[in-house]
Amino acid sequence: MKIEEVIRSEKFTDAKHKAVINLMYTSYWFKTHASAALKENDLTIEQFNVLRILKGKHPEPLCIKDICSRMIEKNSNVPRIVDRLLLKQFVKRTTSQEDKRETLISLSEQGAQQVDDASKVMDTVQHRIFGLDEAEAVMLNTLMEKMRGVD
């Protein structure tokens, strides 16, 4: 469906303005689908992101600051997300031996299983709704990276 139909407007300043609106809408659209799918695994997108970050370093723990720096959503309240994952027993919290002020977070066995299960769900969602072939996806990645390169 064209963005004009979705937002019921054809008034754009130029093609770049239309692209920004289209990108923001598409991002929210994908997040809505992903959130619904992850709900089955009792996870939010942000919780899933933290679990994936921890899985990438597993079995090494990470400090909160390192998790924050790797988050997709930079405004996420990582300490609060970790607290919720602790309640679900998906992560473990320890104190650093080198710096007692630093808290380290690691993936629990249950958390590792949860992120594996949720990753399968996300793969299914991605393949079901992502309407681009491999070459188009490469092109889209290149264009988005080019766009972000202009600061």
Protein backbone atom coordinates (compact mmCIF):
# COMPACT_ATOMS: atom_id res chain seq x y z
CA MET A 1 0.00 0.00 0.00
CA LYS A 2 1.35 3.41 -0.94
CA ILE A 3 2.17 5.83 1.88
CA GLU A 4 -0.32 8.32 0.42
CA GLU A 5 -3.11 5.80 0.93
CA VAL A 6 -2.00 4.91 4.45
CA ILE A 7 -1.78 8.46 5.76
CA ARG A 8 -4.48 9.78 3.41
CA SER A 9 -2.39 12.64 2.16
CA GLU A 10 -0.47 13.45 -0.97
CA LYS A 11 1.12 16.62 0.37
CA PHE A 12 4.86 16.24 0.62
CA THR A 13 7.44 18.99 0.28
CA ASP A 14 9.56 16.79 -1.96
CA ALA A 15 10.68 13.17 -2.43
CA LYS A 16 12.99 13.35 0.63
CA HIS A 17 10.10 14.48 2.84
CA LYS A 18 7.98 11.62 1.52
CA ALA A 19 10.86 9.16 2.13
CA VAL A 20 11.22 10.28 5.76
CA ILE A 21 7.49 9.87 6.40
CA ASN A 22 7.55 6.51 4.63
CA LEU A 23 10.57 5.34 6.65
CA MET A 24 9.01 6.39 9.98
CA TYR A 25 5.70 4.73 9.10
CA THR A 26 7.40 1.52 7.94
CA SER A 27 9.53 1.35 11.07
CA TYR A 28 6.45 1.67 13.27
CA TRP A 29 4.58 -0.85 11.10
CA PHE A 30 7.34 -3.44 11.51
CA LYS A 31 7.62 -2.74 15.25
CA THR A 32 3.87 -3.34 15.63
CA HIS A 33 4.14 -6.75 13.93
CA ALA A 34 7.25 -7.68 15.91
CA SER A 35 5.70 -6.61 19.23
CA ALA A 36 2.64 -8.75 18.60
CA ALA A 37 4.78 -11.77 17.77
CA LEU A 38 7.09 -11.32 20.77
CA LYS A 39 4.13 -10.98 23.10
CA GLU A 40 3.63 -14.74 22.66
CA ASN A 41 7.09 -15.16 24.24
CA ASP A 42 6.25 -12.71 27.06
CA LEU A 43 8.84 -10.23 25.76
CA THR A 44 8.90 -6.65 24.58
CA ILE A 45 11.09 -5.60 21.66
CA GLU A 46 13.48 -3.89 24.08
CA GLN A 47 13.72 -7.00 26.29
CA PHE A 48 14.38 -9.12 23.20
CA ASN A 49 17.10 -6.67 22.14
CA VAL A 50 18.81 -6.95 25.55
CA LEU A 51 18.64 -10.75 25.42
CA ARG A 52 20.13 -10.78 21.90
CA ILE A 53 22.94 -8.48 23.01
CA LEU A 54 23.70 -10.77 25.96
CA LYS A 55 23.53 -13.85 23.74
CA GLY A 56 26.12 -12.29 21.43
CA LYS A 57 28.63 -12.17 24.31
CA HIS A 58 27.47 -15.33 26.12
CA PRO A 59 28.86 -16.70 28.41
CA GLU A 60 30.65 -13.41 29.17
CA PRO A 61 28.64 -10.90 31.19
CA LEU A 62 28.18 -7.28 30.13
CA CYS A 63 27.84 -4.15 32.21
CA ILE A 64 24.73 -2.00 31.82
CA LYS A 65 26.73 0.71 30.01
CA ASP A 66 27.87 -1.78 27.34
CA ILE A 67 24.32 -3.07 26.89
CA CYS A 68 23.07 0.54 26.52
CA SER A 69 25.65 1.29 23.85
CA ARG A 70 24.45 -1.65 21.73
CA MET A 71 20.70 -1.01 22.01
CA ILE A 72 18.72 -0.25 18.86
CA GLU A 73 16.39 2.06 20.81
CA LYS A 74 18.92 4.42 22.43
CA ASN A 75 16.32 5.92 24.79
CA SER A 76 15.57 2.56 26.41
CA ASN A 77 15.72 2.40 30.19
CA VAL A 78 18.13 -0.56 30.30
CA PRO A 79 18.31 -0.90 34.11
CA ARG A 80 14.51 -1.19 34.22
CA ILE A 81 14.49 -3.69 31.33
CA VAL A 82 17.14 -5.78 33.13
CA ASP A 83 15.06 -5.68 36.32
CA ARG A 84 12.09 -7.12 34.42
CA LEU A 85 14.28 -9.80 32.83
CA LEU A 86 15.61 -10.67 36.30
CA LEU A 87 12.04 -11.19 37.53
CA LYS A 88 11.46 -13.56 34.61
CA GLN A 89 14.77 -15.29 35.47
CA PHE A 90 16.12 -14.70 31.95
CA VAL A 91 19.27 -12.94 33.20
CA LYS A 92 21.60 -13.00 36.20
CA ARG A 93 23.14 -10.01 37.95
CA THR A 94 26.58 -10.06 39.59
CA THR A 95 29.07 -7.50 40.83
CA SER A 96 32.32 -6.97 38.98
CA GLN A 97 35.41 -8.26 40.77
CA GLU A 98 37.51 -5.42 39.34
CA ASP A 99 35.09 -2.59 40.15
CA LYS A 100 32.56 -3.23 42.92
CA ARG A 101 30.44 -0.32 41.64
CA GLU A 102 29.88 -2.08 38.32
CA THR A 103 26.98 -4.47 37.85
CA LEU A 104 27.39 -7.29 35.34
CA ILE A 105 24.51 -8.94 33.54
CA SER A 106 24.62 -12.38 31.96
CA LEU A 107 22.17 -14.64 30.22
CA SER A 108 20.63 -17.47 32.26
CA GLU A 109 19.94 -20.88 30.71
CA GLN A 110 16.25 -20.02 30.66
CA GLY A 111 17.07 -16.68 29.02
CA ALA A 112 19.20 -18.39 26.37
CA GLN A 113 16.30 -20.69 25.51
CA GLN A 114 13.89 -17.75 25.50
CA VAL A 115 16.02 -15.70 23.09
CA ASP A 116 16.39 -18.73 20.80
CA ASP A 117 12.61 -19.27 20.76
CA ALA A 118 11.90 -15.57 20.25
CA SER A 119 14.49 -15.39 17.44
CA LYS A 120 12.62 -18.12 15.57
CA VAL A 121 9.39 -16.15 15.99
CA MET A 122 11.08 -12.97 14.73
CA ASP A 123 12.54 -14.84 11.74
CA THR A 124 9.05 -16.05 10.86
CA VAL A 125 7.62 -12.53 11.11
CA GLN A 126 10.46 -11.11 9.04
CA HIS A 127 10.03 -13.67 6.27
CA ARG A 128 6.24 -13.29 6.30
CA ILE A 129 6.08 -9.49 6.00
CA PHE A 130 9.41 -8.42 4.50
CA GLY A 131 8.54 -7.98 0.84
CA LEU A 132 12.05 -7.54 -0.56
CA ASP A 133 14.38 -10.03 -2.18
CA GLU A 134 18.04 -10.30 -1.13
CA ALA A 135 19.36 -7.79 -3.68
CA GLU A 136 16.68 -5.26 -2.72
CA ALA A 137 17.48 -5.75 0.98
CA VAL A 138 21.18 -5.09 0.26
CA MET A 139 20.23 -1.94 -1.62
CA LEU A 140 17.94 -0.78 1.19
CA ASN A 141 20.70 -1.35 3.77
CA THR A 142 23.15 0.64 1.64
CA LEU A 143 20.70 3.52 1.26
CA MET A 144 19.83 3.65 4.98
CA GLU A 145 23.51 3.56 5.95
CA LYS A 146 24.22 6.34 3.46
CA MET A 147 21.36 8.37 4.95
CA ARG A 148 22.69 7.96 8.51
CA GLY A 149 26.21 8.84 7.40
CA VAL A 150 25.19 12.47 6.97
CA ASP A 151 25.31 14.03 10.44
